[in-house]
Amino acid sequence: MAYTPATEELIRALQGLPGIGSRSAARMALHLLERDTESAQWLNNALAEALNKVHRCPSCRTLTEQVECDICQDSERDASSLCVVVNDADRAAIEMSKQFQGHYFVLHGVLSPIEGVGPEQLAIFDLIDKLKNNDVSEVIFVLDDQMESEATVFYITEQLKAIDVRCSRVTLMHLKNGNLDQAESRHLVSALTNRQEITLEQE
């Protein structure tokens, strides 16, 4: 073992973050332990506080510290329009564009049978129930064009055939790496404005 057991555990924990490999995780862990213990303690406290306070909004699954998130509580938002996104970073990017004034539903992932992510993990059935019991006239899907995302949109729209709701899709091909949080606002505004309708064959 190259490092102490506790150091090895910290490296493994950091390696679990997106885009962090074993070498980067080791450098980060050693930096925190060797040179910046004050930041390490700050990080520890901030993470513990966030884990204690932050939870998913019961209505839209957005991360919030309130019983229900600000958007779901806002009576001036357009409840007839629902934007489905993969994560809170995408929701935040759309909010910063100031182009969308409806409500959201955050999946927190995409369908991936290999990784054990199915409809239950994404609360897709909760989304379907939400659409059945509310006056939503349009569902806007803002997901990238990766195979798992395509499968997720297809699965959800198949469940919506019996519901009188319009479905549309925002094309992300012109956005940097297809990531909303890296997109310029003008490109995101254009993508939302020029969204394409998904034709559903009613059962």
Protein backbone atom coordinates (compact mmCIF):
# COMPACT_ATOMS: atom_id res chain seq x y z
CA MET A 1 0.00 0.00 0.00
CA ALA A 2 1.53 3.30 -1.15
CA TYR A 3 -0.37 5.47 1.35
CA THR A 4 -2.04 5.11 4.73
CA PRO A 5 -5.43 3.34 4.75
CA ALA A 6 -7.27 6.61 5.44
CA THR A 7 -5.42 8.35 2.61
CA GLU A 8 -6.21 5.50 0.23
CA GLU A 9 -9.89 5.75 1.19
CA LEU A 10 -9.87 9.52 0.52
CA ILE A 11 -8.28 8.92 -2.88
CA ARG A 12 -10.92 6.34 -3.76
CA ALA A 13 -13.67 8.76 -2.67
CA LEU A 14 -12.28 11.57 -4.81
CA GLN A 15 -11.88 9.19 -7.73
CA GLY A 16 -15.62 8.64 -7.65
CA LEU A 17 -16.17 12.22 -8.82
CA PRO A 18 -16.83 12.76 -12.57
CA GLY A 19 -13.67 13.27 -14.60
CA ILE A 20 -11.30 12.47 -11.74
CA GLY A 21 -8.83 9.67 -12.42
CA SER A 22 -6.58 7.88 -9.93
CA ARG A 23 -3.62 10.25 -10.39
CA SER A 24 -5.72 13.40 -10.11
CA ALA A 25 -7.47 11.99 -7.03
CA ALA A 26 -4.12 11.21 -5.41
CA ARG A 27 -2.79 14.73 -6.13
CA MET A 28 -5.92 16.31 -4.69
CA ALA A 29 -5.87 14.13 -1.57
CA LEU A 30 -2.18 14.77 -0.88
CA HIS A 31 -2.59 18.50 -1.47
CA LEU A 32 -5.41 18.68 1.07
CA LEU A 33 -3.58 16.57 3.65
CA GLU A 34 -0.07 17.95 3.21
CA ARG A 35 -0.50 21.61 2.34
CA ASP A 36 -4.02 22.84 2.90
CA THR A 37 -5.60 21.23 5.92
CA GLU A 38 -7.67 24.37 6.52
CA SER A 39 -9.39 23.94 3.12
CA ALA A 40 -9.75 20.23 3.81
CA GLN A 41 -11.62 20.98 7.05
CA TRP A 42 -13.74 23.60 5.29
CA LEU A 43 -14.59 21.07 2.57
CA ASN A 44 -15.46 18.48 5.19
CA ASN A 45 -17.78 20.86 7.05
CA ALA A 46 -19.41 22.20 3.89
CA LEU A 47 -20.08 18.70 2.56
CA ALA A 48 -21.52 17.54 5.88
CA GLU A 49 -23.80 20.59 6.07
CA ALA A 50 -24.97 20.17 2.46
CA LEU A 51 -25.74 16.49 2.98
CA ASN A 52 -27.74 17.40 6.06
CA LYS A 53 -29.73 20.29 4.52
CA VAL A 54 -30.11 19.57 0.80
CA HIS A 55 -32.76 17.18 -0.49
CA ARG A 56 -34.83 16.68 -3.62
CA CYS A 57 -37.99 18.72 -4.08
CA PRO A 58 -40.91 16.26 -3.77
CA SER A 59 -42.59 17.80 -6.81
CA CYS A 60 -39.79 18.29 -9.36
CA ARG A 61 -36.72 16.60 -7.77
CA THR A 62 -34.65 19.78 -7.94
CA LEU A 63 -32.10 20.01 -5.13
CA THR A 64 -33.41 22.37 -2.47
CA GLU A 65 -33.12 23.21 1.22
CA GLN A 66 -36.81 24.03 1.54
CA VAL A 67 -39.83 21.75 1.84
CA GLU A 68 -40.52 22.62 -1.82
CA CYS A 69 -38.18 24.45 -4.21
CA ASP A 70 -38.57 28.14 -5.13
CA ILE A 71 -39.77 27.41 -8.66
CA CYS A 72 -42.51 25.03 -7.57
CA GLN A 73 -43.66 27.60 -5.01
CA ASP A 74 -43.71 30.46 -7.52
CA SER A 75 -47.33 31.06 -8.57
CA GLU A 76 -46.18 33.26 -11.46
CA ARG A 77 -44.40 30.40 -13.24
CA ASP A 78 -46.21 28.77 -16.17
CA ALA A 79 -47.46 25.44 -14.79
CA SER A 80 -48.61 24.32 -18.26
CA SER A 81 -45.02 23.93 -19.48
CA LEU A 82 -42.70 21.30 -18.01
CA CYS A 83 -39.02 21.01 -18.88
CA VAL A 84 -37.39 17.61 -18.31
CA VAL A 85 -33.63 17.76 -17.66
CA VAL A 86 -30.94 15.29 -16.59
CA ASN A 87 -29.53 17.17 -13.62
CA ASP A 88 -29.54 20.38 -11.60
CA ALA A 89 -26.64 21.86 -13.59
CA ASP A 90 -28.79 21.73 -16.74
CA ARG A 91 -31.75 23.26 -14.89
CA ALA A 92 -29.53 26.07 -13.59
CA ALA A 93 -28.19 26.78 -17.10
CA ILE A 94 -31.72 27.10 -18.46
CA GLU A 95 -32.72 29.37 -15.59
CA MET A 96 -29.73 31.65 -16.25
CA SER A 97 -30.81 31.99 -19.89
CA LYS A 98 -34.10 33.53 -18.63
CA GLN A 99 -35.81 31.97 -21.64
CA PHE A 100 -37.99 29.41 -19.86
CA GLN A 101 -40.65 30.40 -17.33
CA GLY A 102 -42.30 27.04 -16.73
CA HIS A 103 -41.63 24.23 -14.28
CA TYR A 104 -39.04 21.45 -14.27
CA PHE A 105 -38.62 17.76 -13.64
CA VAL A 106 -35.07 16.60 -12.86
CA LEU A 107 -34.31 12.98 -13.69
CA HIS A 108 -30.88 12.85 -12.02
CA GLY A 109 -29.57 10.53 -14.71
CA VAL A 110 -30.59 8.64 -17.83
CA LEU A 111 -31.68 5.05 -18.42
CA SER A 112 -28.71 2.70 -18.31
CA PRO A 113 -29.49 -0.99 -17.74
CA ILE A 114 -25.76 -1.80 -17.58
CA GLU A 115 -25.37 0.53 -14.59
CA GLY A 116 -28.65 -0.59 -13.05
CA VAL A 117 -30.46 2.68 -13.75
CA GLY A 118 -34.08 1.98 -14.67
CA PRO A 119 -37.35 3.96 -14.68
CA GLU A 120 -37.68 3.63 -10.90
CA GLN A 121 -34.31 5.25 -10.23
CA LEU A 122 -35.25 8.22 -12.43
CA ALA A 123 -38.78 8.50 -10.95
CA ILE A 124 -40.23 8.29 -14.47
CA PHE A 125 -43.49 6.87 -13.16
CA ASP A 126 -43.77 9.86 -10.81
CA LEU A 127 -43.33 12.08 -13.85
CA ILE A 128 -46.11 10.24 -15.69
CA ASP A 129 -48.43 10.59 -12.68
CA LYS A 130 -47.57 14.29 -12.48
CA LEU A 131 -48.57 14.76 -16.12
CA LYS A 132 -51.81 12.83 -15.63
CA ASN A 133 -52.88 14.85 -12.61
CA ASN A 134 -51.81 18.36 -13.65
CA ASP A 135 -52.70 20.76 -16.45
CA VAL A 136 -49.42 20.41 -18.34
CA SER A 137 -49.85 21.08 -22.07
CA GLU A 138 -46.21 20.74 -23.19
CA VAL A 139 -43.28 18.62 -22.04
CA ILE A 140 -39.90 19.88 -23.24
CA PHE A 141 -37.04 17.38 -23.19
CA VAL A 142 -33.59 18.92 -22.82
CA LEU A 143 -31.24 15.94 -23.03
CA ASP A 144 -28.16 15.36 -25.17
CA ASP A 145 -28.07 13.05 -28.20
CA GLN A 146 -26.20 10.18 -26.53
CA MET A 147 -27.73 6.72 -26.91
CA GLU A 148 -28.83 6.51 -23.27
CA SER A 149 -30.51 9.92 -23.47
CA GLU A 150 -32.28 8.98 -26.70
CA ALA A 151 -33.53 5.79 -25.05
CA THR A 152 -34.75 7.78 -22.04
CA VAL A 153 -36.73 10.23 -24.17
CA PHE A 154 -38.18 7.37 -26.22
CA TYR A 155 -39.22 5.44 -23.11
CA ILE A 156 -40.94 8.45 -21.54
CA THR A 157 -42.74 9.50 -24.71
CA GLU A 158 -44.01 5.95 -25.17
CA GLN A 159 -45.68 6.26 -21.76
CA LEU A 160 -47.25 9.57 -22.80
CA LYS A 161 -49.19 8.27 -25.79
CA ALA A 162 -52.38 7.98 -23.77
CA ILE A 163 -51.99 11.50 -22.34
CA ASP A 164 -53.07 14.62 -24.20
CA VAL A 165 -49.79 16.49 -24.02
CA ARG A 166 -47.47 18.01 -26.59
CA CYS A 167 -43.86 16.83 -26.50
CA SER A 168 -40.88 18.72 -27.90
CA ARG A 169 -37.12 18.29 -27.89
CA VAL A 170 -34.30 20.82 -27.62
CA THR A 171 -31.42 20.03 -29.97
CA LEU A 172 -28.04 20.38 -28.27
CA MET A 173 -25.73 19.69 -31.23
CA HIS A 174 -24.67 23.33 -31.48
CA LEU A 175 -23.89 23.60 -27.80
CA LYS A 176 -20.33 23.06 -26.55
CA ASN A 177 -19.86 19.33 -25.95
CA GLY A 178 -23.66 19.10 -25.75
CA ASN A 179 -23.50 20.36 -22.16
CA LEU A 180 -25.94 23.05 -21.08
CA ASP A 181 -23.76 24.29 -18.24
CA GLN A 182 -20.99 25.09 -20.77
CA ALA A 183 -23.27 26.75 -23.31
CA GLU A 184 -23.41 30.44 -24.10
CA SER A 185 -26.78 31.93 -23.18
CA ARG A 186 -27.50 33.08 -26.75
CA HIS A 187 -27.06 29.52 -28.06
CA LEU A 188 -29.26 28.12 -25.33
CA VAL A 189 -31.95 30.71 -26.00
CA SER A 190 -31.89 29.79 -29.69
CA ALA A 191 -32.08 26.07 -28.90
CA LEU A 192 -35.08 26.54 -26.62
CA THR A 193 -36.85 28.81 -29.09
CA ASN A 194 -36.31 26.41 -32.01
CA ARG A 195 -37.20 23.20 -30.20
CA GLN A 196 -38.62 20.43 -32.36
CA GLU A 197 -41.95 18.76 -31.73
CA ILE A 198 -42.02 15.01 -31.10
CA THR A 199 -44.91 13.32 -32.88
CA LEU A 200 -46.74 10.82 -30.68
CA GLU A 201 -48.95 8.21 -32.25
CA GLN A 202 -51.97 8.08 -29.95
CA GLU A 203 -53.03 4.61 -28.82
